[in-house]
Amino acid sequence: MLLYVALLPIVRPLDTRILGIHIFATDLIFFGAFLFWLVSLVKRRPGIEFRFLGFVAVFFLSLTISAIFSTEPQKSFLKLSGVFYLIAVSIVVADLIQDLGLLKQLAYAWTAGAIINILGAIAGLTGFFLGYTSMATNFFLFHWGSLPPGNYPRVMGFFENPNMMANYTNVAIMIILGASRVSWMSKRVGLLLAALLFASTILAVSPGLGGMILSIGLWTYFFVLTGYRRTSRVVLVAAVFLAVLAFASTAISPVVRYPDKTITIPIIEKSIEPSVRFLAWQNSMERGLEYPILGRGTGTDAAHLRYDALSGQRQMVRDAHQSWLNVFGQAGIVGLIAFAALCWHLFSICRFRPVDGSDRSVMLVSCSCAFVGAFLFQNLSGSFEDARQLWVLIGMLVGLAGSGELKIPTQTEEGLRASHRHFAT
């Protein structure tokens, strides 16, 4: 399982498609880990929060019903198997990290993966300065996409695209900051790795940078500057503002090409053109309303939009570029309600202040900040509901929040402990 987490950043070239499903080499590693985990259940009970199991079961059931009535049943049931796999990832992680030693090793596995990601970004940047400036000649670069073409690199490392890399680095930064806070690694090393990950995301030129800034802002406000109210508030407001700005930028095209499609902003009299993301949101909403109850089917195309990118590339957009619209388009209102309930539950177990100062408590704060930035925020401008790193994060969040070590004692329990100490004395 540790090897699986460490190799999460290596998507290419160790990937293939089987029956239309995108398979990574790390998936085969998890399959082996999952089998051993199942064998271990013969002698013990898993330490997993039952409420979480209930919410994921309802979510999976909604997708199953959608698959049964799908417009493309074969495609839907193949995708359903992928959803089961992701849920299994979260359950195994949630169970395993009940062991504090394995939680520490899991943080090291994230660190190893982060270093792999940094090396991929460095390789892409180095190749760019050596003259390998295109995706065709530089394995670690991505095309400009909807961005204006120019003499700048857009790094994606070993991932499929820069946005997925930005989502991964969002989580990795928070895990590393938490690990350095509890002295599982040197603070200097932790800050250096976090800075390099942040720089690699800047090179990705991704709106995911907003989620990363939001996570770091929350961490700083609730955890670092607790004794400096005014400064901490300024930091949090600045982080939220930059995150909102990053999100707003995804809805606007940087170049106006079609005057008949522009929107004029009042007061400043500035004309803007909707971006490809905005058009995908609009298209997926229209398609979703055609099958509002159960959707078109799990795994089907939530959007169907042809778009000429600024780089001259003609694109066929099949993804809603927004998780909520993706779920709505595929599984309808039923799936959307189940997904919202799961998200609500996960957010309800987040903690942004350490309860008792323990290692687990600090790591729970890290995972909570990562969840807000990488899952809740980045899913507003991208479809990351199937991202493997996020389901590992969900497993960590559930496992840490369900740990008995993190439960806040009641006044009665404190009184009993005091009485026991007095009696012992």
Protein backbone atom coordinates (compact mmCIF):
# COMPACT_ATOMS: atom_id res chain seq x y z
CA MET A 1 0.00 0.00 0.00
CA LEU A 2 2.91 2.33 0.74
CA LEU A 3 4.36 1.56 -2.70
CA TYR A 4 0.98 2.38 -4.25
CA VAL A 5 0.93 5.82 -2.61
CA ALA A 6 4.57 6.55 -3.43
CA LEU A 7 4.01 5.83 -7.14
CA LEU A 8 0.77 7.82 -7.53
CA PRO A 9 2.54 10.60 -9.53
CA ILE A 10 3.76 8.12 -12.17
CA VAL A 11 0.80 7.91 -14.53
CA ARG A 12 2.70 7.92 -17.82
CA PRO A 13 4.19 5.93 -19.48
CA LEU A 14 3.02 3.04 -17.27
CA ASP A 15 -0.61 3.26 -18.37
CA THR A 16 -2.86 1.49 -20.83
CA ARG A 17 -6.53 1.05 -21.72
CA ILE A 18 -8.39 -2.22 -21.22
CA LEU A 19 -12.02 -2.38 -22.40
CA GLY A 20 -12.12 1.41 -22.40
CA ILE A 21 -10.89 1.73 -18.80
CA HIS A 22 -7.70 3.68 -18.18
CA ILE A 23 -5.41 1.39 -16.16
CA PHE A 24 -2.27 2.60 -14.36
CA ALA A 25 0.57 0.42 -13.09
CA THR A 26 -0.25 1.56 -9.55
CA ASP A 27 -3.71 0.01 -9.91
CA LEU A 28 -2.12 -3.45 -10.13
CA ILE A 29 -0.12 -2.70 -6.97
CA PHE A 30 -3.29 -1.80 -5.10
CA PHE A 31 -4.98 -5.00 -6.30
CA GLY A 32 -2.28 -7.01 -4.50
CA ALA A 33 -2.53 -4.87 -1.38
CA PHE A 34 -6.32 -5.22 -1.38
CA LEU A 35 -6.13 -9.02 -1.50
CA PHE A 36 -3.79 -9.13 1.50
CA TRP A 37 -6.09 -6.71 3.33
CA LEU A 38 -9.09 -8.97 2.70
CA VAL A 39 -7.16 -11.95 4.10
CA SER A 40 -6.35 -9.95 7.23
CA LEU A 41 -10.08 -9.47 7.90
CA VAL A 42 -10.39 -13.19 8.70
CA LYS A 43 -8.76 -12.58 12.09
CA ARG A 44 -9.89 -9.04 12.89
CA ARG A 45 -12.51 -6.35 12.37
CA PRO A 46 -11.62 -3.28 10.28
CA GLY A 47 -11.39 -0.01 12.20
CA ILE A 48 -13.55 2.05 9.85
CA GLU A 49 -16.20 4.60 10.69
CA PHE A 50 -19.58 3.02 9.84
CA ARG A 51 -21.20 6.34 8.93
CA PHE A 52 -18.66 6.77 6.14
CA LEU A 53 -19.45 3.28 4.85
CA GLY A 54 -23.12 4.22 4.82
CA PHE A 55 -22.56 7.39 2.80
CA VAL A 56 -20.31 5.71 0.21
CA ALA A 57 -22.77 2.81 -0.04
CA VAL A 58 -25.61 5.22 -0.86
CA PHE A 59 -23.40 7.03 -3.40
CA PHE A 60 -22.40 3.73 -5.03
CA LEU A 61 -26.04 2.60 -5.07
CA SER A 62 -27.10 5.80 -6.86
CA LEU A 63 -24.44 5.20 -9.52
CA THR A 64 -25.52 1.57 -9.85
CA ILE A 65 -29.15 2.57 -10.47
CA SER A 66 -27.94 5.11 -13.02
CA ALA A 67 -25.89 2.39 -14.74
CA ILE A 68 -28.90 0.07 -14.93
CA PHE A 69 -30.92 2.70 -16.81
CA SER A 70 -27.93 4.03 -18.73
CA THR A 71 -27.99 5.05 -22.39
CA GLU A 72 -24.70 3.12 -22.68
CA PRO A 73 -24.94 0.19 -20.20
CA GLN A 74 -21.62 -1.47 -21.04
CA LYS A 75 -19.70 1.76 -20.58
CA SER A 76 -21.56 2.52 -17.36
CA PHE A 77 -20.86 -0.83 -15.68
CA LEU A 78 -17.19 -0.63 -16.60
CA LYS A 79 -17.05 2.79 -14.97
CA LEU A 80 -18.93 1.42 -11.96
CA SER A 81 -16.11 -1.06 -11.37
CA GLY A 82 -13.70 1.88 -11.33
CA VAL A 83 -15.81 3.66 -8.70
CA PHE A 84 -15.78 0.50 -6.55
CA TYR A 85 -11.99 0.47 -6.85
CA LEU A 86 -11.70 4.08 -5.65
CA ILE A 87 -14.00 3.43 -2.69
CA ALA A 88 -11.90 0.37 -1.82
CA VAL A 89 -8.78 2.57 -1.81
CA SER A 90 -10.32 4.91 0.78
CA ILE A 91 -11.54 2.03 2.97
CA VAL A 92 -8.17 0.25 3.03
CA VAL A 93 -6.29 3.47 3.83
CA ALA A 94 -8.81 4.42 6.56
CA ASP A 95 -8.32 1.03 8.20
CA LEU A 96 -4.54 0.80 7.93
CA ILE A 97 -3.70 4.21 9.38
CA GLN A 98 -5.25 3.26 12.70
CA ASP A 99 -1.65 2.14 13.26
CA LEU A 100 0.36 5.28 14.08
CA GLY A 101 3.55 3.74 12.72
CA LEU A 102 1.91 3.11 9.36
CA LEU A 103 0.50 6.65 9.32
CA LYS A 104 4.06 7.94 9.64
CA GLN A 105 5.25 5.64 6.86
CA LEU A 106 2.33 6.79 4.70
CA ALA A 107 3.52 10.39 5.12
CA TYR A 108 6.96 9.27 3.94
CA ALA A 109 5.34 7.55 0.94
CA TRP A 110 3.63 10.85 0.02
CA THR A 111 7.03 12.54 0.39
CA ALA A 112 8.64 10.03 -1.98
CA GLY A 113 5.88 10.67 -4.49
CA ALA A 114 6.31 14.42 -4.10
CA ILE A 115 10.03 14.10 -4.90
CA ILE A 116 9.16 12.09 -8.04
CA ASN A 117 6.77 14.85 -9.04
CA ILE A 118 9.40 17.54 -8.46
CA LEU A 119 11.94 15.63 -10.56
CA GLY A 120 9.41 15.39 -13.39
CA ALA A 121 8.82 19.16 -13.26
CA ILE A 122 12.58 19.85 -13.24
CA ALA A 123 13.06 17.51 -16.22
CA GLY A 124 10.33 19.31 -18.16
CA LEU A 125 11.77 22.75 -17.40
CA THR A 126 15.32 21.65 -18.23
CA GLY A 127 14.21 20.17 -21.54
CA PHE A 128 12.37 23.39 -22.39
CA PHE A 129 15.52 25.49 -21.95
CA LEU A 130 17.49 22.96 -24.00
CA GLY A 131 15.15 23.55 -26.93
CA TYR A 132 12.59 20.78 -26.43
CA THR A 133 9.64 23.14 -26.18
CA SER A 134 6.68 21.11 -27.43
CA MET A 135 4.67 18.20 -26.14
CA ALA A 136 5.89 16.13 -29.08
CA THR A 137 9.58 16.54 -28.15
CA ASN A 138 9.36 16.92 -24.36
CA PHE A 139 7.69 14.08 -22.43
CA PHE A 140 7.08 16.28 -19.38
CA LEU A 141 5.34 19.20 -21.12
CA PHE A 142 1.68 19.75 -22.03
CA HIS A 143 0.17 21.81 -24.85
CA TRP A 144 -1.19 25.31 -24.18
CA GLY A 145 -4.80 24.14 -24.37
CA SER A 146 -7.15 27.07 -23.85
CA LEU A 147 -4.25 29.34 -22.83
CA PRO A 148 -2.74 31.80 -25.32
CA PRO A 149 0.30 30.32 -27.09
CA GLY A 150 3.67 31.74 -26.18
CA ASN A 151 7.26 31.02 -25.28
CA TYR A 152 6.60 29.45 -21.89
CA PRO A 153 6.52 25.87 -20.62
CA ARG A 154 3.43 24.19 -19.24
CA VAL A 155 4.72 21.33 -17.12
CA MET A 156 2.73 18.18 -16.31
CA GLY A 157 5.49 15.84 -15.07
CA PHE A 158 4.44 12.19 -15.22
CA PHE A 159 0.73 13.05 -15.07
CA GLU A 160 -1.74 13.14 -17.97
CA ASN A 161 -2.27 16.88 -17.70
CA PRO A 162 -1.10 19.86 -15.60
CA ASN A 163 -4.39 20.18 -13.71
CA MET A 164 -4.11 16.67 -12.29
CA MET A 165 -0.54 17.43 -11.25
CA ALA A 166 -1.73 20.58 -9.48
CA ASN A 167 -4.38 18.57 -7.65
CA TYR A 168 -1.79 16.05 -6.50
CA THR A 169 0.68 18.69 -5.32
CA ASN A 170 -2.10 20.40 -3.33
CA VAL A 171 -2.51 17.26 -1.23
CA ALA A 172 1.22 16.48 -1.06
CA ILE A 173 2.12 19.93 0.26
CA MET A 174 -0.32 19.65 3.17
CA ILE A 175 0.83 16.12 4.07
CA ILE A 176 4.47 17.28 4.07
CA LEU A 177 3.69 20.38 6.16
CA GLY A 178 1.90 18.19 8.69
CA ALA A 179 4.74 15.65 8.79
CA SER A 180 7.32 18.39 9.37
CA ARG A 181 5.12 19.91 12.09
CA VAL A 182 5.17 16.67 14.12
CA SER A 183 8.93 16.29 13.50
CA TRP A 184 8.66 13.25 11.25
CA MET A 185 11.04 15.19 9.03
CA SER A 186 13.15 18.31 9.37
CA LYS A 187 11.16 21.54 9.16
CA ARG A 188 13.68 22.92 6.67
CA VAL A 189 13.34 19.86 4.45
CA GLY A 190 9.56 20.06 4.68
CA LEU A 191 9.47 23.75 3.75
CA LEU A 192 11.91 23.18 0.88
CA LEU A 193 9.82 20.35 -0.57
CA ALA A 194 6.62 22.38 -0.15
CA ALA A 195 8.23 25.35 -1.93
CA LEU A 196 9.41 23.16 -4.82
CA LEU A 197 5.95 21.60 -5.15
CA PHE A 198 4.40 25.06 -5.17
CA ALA A 199 6.83 26.15 -7.89
CA SER A 200 6.02 23.09 -9.98
CA THR A 201 2.33 24.03 -9.83
CA ILE A 202 3.14 27.55 -11.02
CA LEU A 203 4.89 25.92 -13.99
CA ALA A 204 1.74 23.88 -14.62
CA VAL A 205 -0.18 27.15 -15.20
CA SER A 206 -3.26 25.58 -13.61
CA PRO A 207 -6.23 27.06 -11.72
CA GLY A 208 -5.44 24.39 -9.14
CA LEU A 209 -2.97 26.91 -7.76
CA GLY A 210 -5.97 28.63 -6.16
CA GLY A 211 -6.84 25.48 -4.20
CA MET A 212 -3.27 25.17 -3.01
CA ILE A 213 -3.22 28.79 -1.81
CA LEU A 214 -6.54 28.22 -0.03
CA SER A 215 -5.22 25.11 1.77
CA ILE A 216 -2.05 26.90 2.86
CA GLY A 217 -4.09 29.93 3.96
CA LEU A 218 -6.33 27.75 6.14
CA TRP A 219 -3.31 25.98 7.61
CA THR A 220 -1.65 29.30 8.43
CA TYR A 221 -4.81 30.87 9.91
CA PHE A 222 -5.87 27.98 12.13
CA PHE A 223 -2.52 26.47 12.98
CA VAL A 224 0.48 28.75 12.51
CA LEU A 225 -0.63 32.29 13.40
CA THR A 226 -3.06 31.40 16.18
CA GLY A 227 -1.60 34.07 18.47
CA TYR A 228 -1.72 36.82 15.84
CA ARG A 229 -5.38 37.46 15.11
CA ARG A 230 -5.01 40.46 12.81
CA THR A 231 -2.18 38.97 10.77
CA SER A 232 -3.89 35.59 10.51
CA ARG A 233 -7.11 37.22 9.30
CA VAL A 234 -5.22 39.15 6.62
CA VAL A 235 -3.58 35.92 5.47
CA LEU A 236 -6.90 34.06 5.33
CA VAL A 237 -8.71 36.88 3.48
CA ALA A 238 -5.84 37.11 0.99
CA ALA A 239 -5.90 33.34 0.44
CA VAL A 240 -9.65 33.29 -0.13
CA PHE A 241 -9.42 36.28 -2.49
CA LEU A 242 -6.67 34.67 -4.58
CA ALA A 243 -8.59 31.38 -4.69
CA VAL A 244 -11.75 33.15 -5.90
CA LEU A 245 -9.67 35.02 -8.47
CA ALA A 246 -8.20 31.74 -9.73
CA PHE A 247 -11.67 30.25 -10.05
CA ALA A 248 -13.03 33.34 -11.83
CA SER A 249 -10.18 33.16 -14.32
CA THR A 250 -11.35 29.71 -15.43
CA ALA A 251 -14.66 31.15 -16.65
CA ILE A 252 -13.11 33.86 -18.82
CA SER A 253 -11.13 33.50 -22.02
CA PRO A 254 -7.88 35.54 -21.92
CA VAL A 255 -8.43 36.61 -25.55
CA VAL A 256 -11.63 37.92 -27.18
CA ARG A 257 -12.12 36.27 -30.57
CA TYR A 258 -15.88 36.25 -31.15
CA PRO A 259 -17.45 39.70 -30.54
CA ASP A 260 -20.96 38.23 -30.87
CA LYS A 261 -20.31 35.97 -27.85
CA THR A 262 -18.81 38.58 -25.54
CA ILE A 263 -20.33 39.84 -22.30
CA THR A 264 -19.88 43.47 -21.24
CA ILE A 265 -19.21 44.08 -17.55
CA PRO A 266 -21.15 47.10 -16.22
CA ILE A 267 -19.33 50.15 -14.79
CA ILE A 268 -15.90 49.23 -16.14
CA GLU A 269 -17.35 48.59 -19.64
CA LYS A 270 -14.99 45.68 -20.20
CA SER A 271 -15.88 43.00 -22.77
CA ILE A 272 -15.09 39.40 -21.89
CA GLU A 273 -15.57 36.11 -23.68
CA PRO A 274 -16.68 32.88 -21.93
CA SER A 275 -13.92 30.28 -21.62
CA VAL A 276 -14.11 26.69 -22.81
CA ARG A 277 -14.78 25.67 -19.20
CA PHE A 278 -17.75 28.01 -18.96
CA LEU A 279 -19.11 26.66 -22.25
CA ALA A 280 -18.59 23.09 -20.98
CA TRP A 281 -20.52 23.92 -17.79
CA GLN A 282 -23.33 25.37 -19.86
CA ASN A 283 -23.36 22.43 -22.27
CA SER A 284 -23.29 19.80 -19.50
CA MET A 285 -26.15 21.53 -17.68
CA GLU A 286 -28.27 21.49 -20.85
CA ARG A 287 -27.48 17.82 -21.48
CA GLY A 288 -28.12 16.96 -17.83
CA LEU A 289 -31.59 18.47 -17.96
CA GLU A 290 -32.46 16.00 -20.74
CA TYR A 291 -32.16 13.14 -18.19
CA PRO A 292 -32.62 14.98 -14.87
CA ILE A 293 -33.52 12.10 -12.51
CA LEU A 294 -30.95 9.36 -13.17
CA GLY A 295 -28.72 11.04 -15.76
CA ARG A 296 -27.42 9.57 -18.98
CA GLY A 297 -25.61 6.85 -17.10
CA THR A 298 -22.52 6.44 -14.94
CA GLY A 299 -19.37 7.08 -16.98
CA THR A 300 -21.14 8.56 -20.01
CA ASP A 301 -20.18 11.90 -21.53
CA ALA A 302 -21.52 14.73 -19.39
CA ALA A 303 -20.63 17.27 -22.10
CA HIS A 304 -20.38 17.20 -25.89
CA LEU A 305 -18.77 20.40 -27.10
CA ARG A 306 -16.52 21.23 -30.04
CA TYR A 307 -14.13 24.08 -29.35
CA ASP A 308 -11.27 25.77 -31.19
CA ALA A 309 -8.56 26.46 -28.61
CA LEU A 310 -6.38 29.59 -28.72
CA SER A 311 -3.46 27.38 -29.71
CA GLY A 312 -5.35 26.39 -32.87
CA GLN A 313 -6.13 22.91 -31.58
CA ARG A 314 -9.65 21.68 -32.28
CA GLN A 315 -10.99 20.02 -29.14
CA MET A 316 -13.93 17.75 -28.38
CA VAL A 317 -14.88 18.38 -24.75
CA ARG A 318 -16.68 15.39 -23.21
CA ASP A 319 -16.05 16.19 -19.57
CA ALA A 320 -18.03 18.83 -17.66
CA HIS A 321 -14.82 20.22 -16.11
CA GLN A 322 -16.73 20.42 -12.83
CA SER A 323 -17.40 17.45 -10.54
CA TRP A 324 -20.90 18.49 -9.49
CA LEU A 325 -22.04 18.92 -13.10
CA ASN A 326 -20.23 15.72 -14.06
CA VAL A 327 -22.13 13.74 -11.44
CA PHE A 328 -25.41 15.45 -12.37
CA GLY A 329 -24.94 14.73 -16.07
CA GLN A 330 -24.09 11.08 -15.46
CA ALA A 331 -26.26 10.14 -12.46
CA GLY A 332 -28.88 12.90 -12.36
CA ILE A 333 -30.40 14.46 -9.27
CA VAL A 334 -30.32 11.12 -7.42
CA GLY A 335 -26.55 10.80 -7.85
CA LEU A 336 -26.00 14.49 -7.15
CA ILE A 337 -27.83 14.29 -3.80
CA ALA A 338 -25.83 11.20 -2.81
CA PHE A 339 -22.57 12.91 -3.80
CA ALA A 340 -23.51 16.07 -1.87
CA ALA A 341 -24.33 13.97 1.20
CA LEU A 342 -20.94 12.25 1.01
CA CYS A 343 -19.15 15.60 0.65
CA TRP A 344 -21.13 17.03 3.58
CA HIS A 345 -20.15 14.09 5.78
CA LEU A 346 -16.48 14.36 4.85
CA PHE A 347 -16.46 18.10 5.55
CA SER A 348 -18.23 17.54 8.88
CA ILE A 349 -15.38 15.34 10.12
CA CYS A 350 -12.72 17.88 9.11
CA ARG A 351 -10.90 19.59 11.96
CA PHE A 352 -8.90 22.80 11.55
CA ARG A 353 -7.47 23.00 15.07
CA PRO A 354 -5.54 20.16 16.76
CA VAL A 355 -7.70 18.68 19.51
CA ASP A 356 -4.94 17.41 21.77
CA GLY A 357 -1.65 18.26 20.04
CA SER A 358 -1.00 14.60 19.16
CA ASP A 359 0.59 13.53 15.88
CA ARG A 360 -2.74 12.19 14.65
CA SER A 361 -4.52 15.42 15.54
CA VAL A 362 -1.99 17.52 13.63
CA MET A 363 -2.20 15.24 10.57
CA LEU A 364 -5.99 15.49 10.69
CA VAL A 365 -5.68 19.28 10.39
CA SER A 366 -3.36 18.81 7.40
CA CYS A 367 -5.77 16.42 5.67
CA SER A 368 -8.71 18.74 6.40
CA CYS A 369 -6.96 21.71 4.80
CA ALA A 370 -5.99 19.52 1.84
CA PHE A 371 -9.59 18.32 1.49
CA VAL A 372 -10.96 21.87 1.29
CA GLY A 373 -8.40 23.00 -1.30
CA ALA A 374 -7.90 19.89 -3.43
CA PHE A 375 -11.37 18.33 -3.26
CA LEU A 376 -14.00 20.96 -2.49
CA PHE A 377 -12.37 23.89 -4.28
CA GLN A 378 -10.57 22.31 -7.22
CA ASN A 379 -13.64 20.25 -8.11
CA LEU A 380 -15.43 23.52 -8.87
CA SER A 381 -13.30 24.04 -11.98
CA GLY A 382 -12.27 20.47 -12.74
CA SER A 383 -13.52 16.89 -12.57
CA PHE A 384 -11.31 15.24 -9.96
CA GLU A 385 -13.92 12.95 -8.40
CA ASP A 386 -12.02 9.99 -9.90
CA ALA A 387 -8.54 11.16 -8.86
CA ARG A 388 -6.76 8.39 -6.99
CA GLN A 389 -4.84 10.78 -4.73
CA LEU A 390 -8.10 12.29 -3.50
CA TRP A 391 -9.51 8.92 -2.49
CA VAL A 392 -6.29 8.18 -0.60
CA LEU A 393 -6.77 11.56 1.09
CA ILE A 394 -10.41 10.70 1.90
CA GLY A 395 -9.24 7.45 3.49
CA MET A 396 -6.71 9.32 5.61
CA LEU A 397 -9.32 11.88 6.66
CA VAL A 398 -11.84 9.21 7.66
CA GLY A 399 -9.24 7.09 9.45
CA LEU A 400 -7.84 10.01 11.43
CA ALA A 401 -11.24 11.47 12.33
CA GLY A 402 -12.47 8.06 13.48
CA SER A 403 -9.46 7.45 15.72
CA GLY A 404 -10.25 7.11 19.42
CA GLU A 405 -7.19 9.22 20.17
CA LEU A 406 -8.91 12.26 18.70
CA LYS A 407 -12.17 12.09 20.63
CA ILE A 408 -12.70 15.10 22.89
CA PRO A 409 -13.32 13.89 26.48
CA THR A 410 -16.49 15.07 28.20
CA GLN A 411 -16.51 16.85 31.56
CA THR A 412 -17.73 13.65 33.23
CA GLU A 413 -14.83 11.68 31.76
CA GLU A 414 -12.38 14.36 32.91
CA GLY A 415 -13.88 14.20 36.43
CA LEU A 416 -13.50 10.43 36.57
CA ARG A 417 -9.87 10.68 35.44
CA ALA A 418 -9.17 13.27 38.12
CA SER A 419 -10.75 11.01 40.76
CA HIS A 420 -8.65 8.06 39.61
CA ARG A 421 -5.48 10.17 39.78
CA HIS A 422 -6.40 11.38 43.27
CA PHE A 423 -7.14 7.84 44.47
CA ALA A 424 -3.87 6.56 43.03
CA THR A 425 -1.96 9.32 44.84
